[in-house]
Amino acid sequence: FDRITRLAKAMFNVPIALVSLVDEDRQWFKSSCGLSGVAETPRDHAFCAHAILNDDLFVVPDALQDERFADNPLVVGAPNVRFYAGYPLKTPMLNGDGSQVTLGSLCVIDSKPRDLRLE
């Protein structure tokens, strides 16, 4: 997992890349590149908790301009998240209803706003 986060950090030229796992109450980091001293956050602060609700890439170009995140402690304080892009990580096995189980996300984070379409 650490190779994946190092590669994502380098490919997108961001200060932080994470593989996060999300449970009922928290997100915790299976791999972290560029975010030291933090092993988990409450789920209600987690951008990844939003990413896992999608089947595709979830992007927040500027968290300060997004009403869902503008007052988030991770935005108004360290690590000062402005840009977030996360892709849901799903198991290959299926639930009883035939859907995949979403475990967490691979994400990249920057402290400045970004637009992936321009990169």
Foldseek 3Di string as FASTA:
>chain_A
DQVVFVVVCVVVVAQKKFWWFDDDFWIATPYIGNDPPDGIDTLLLDPFVVQQVDQAKDKQQAQCPDPSRVPRCCCVHPPNWTIKIWHWDWDPDADPVRHTDTTTTIMGTHNHGDDPVVD
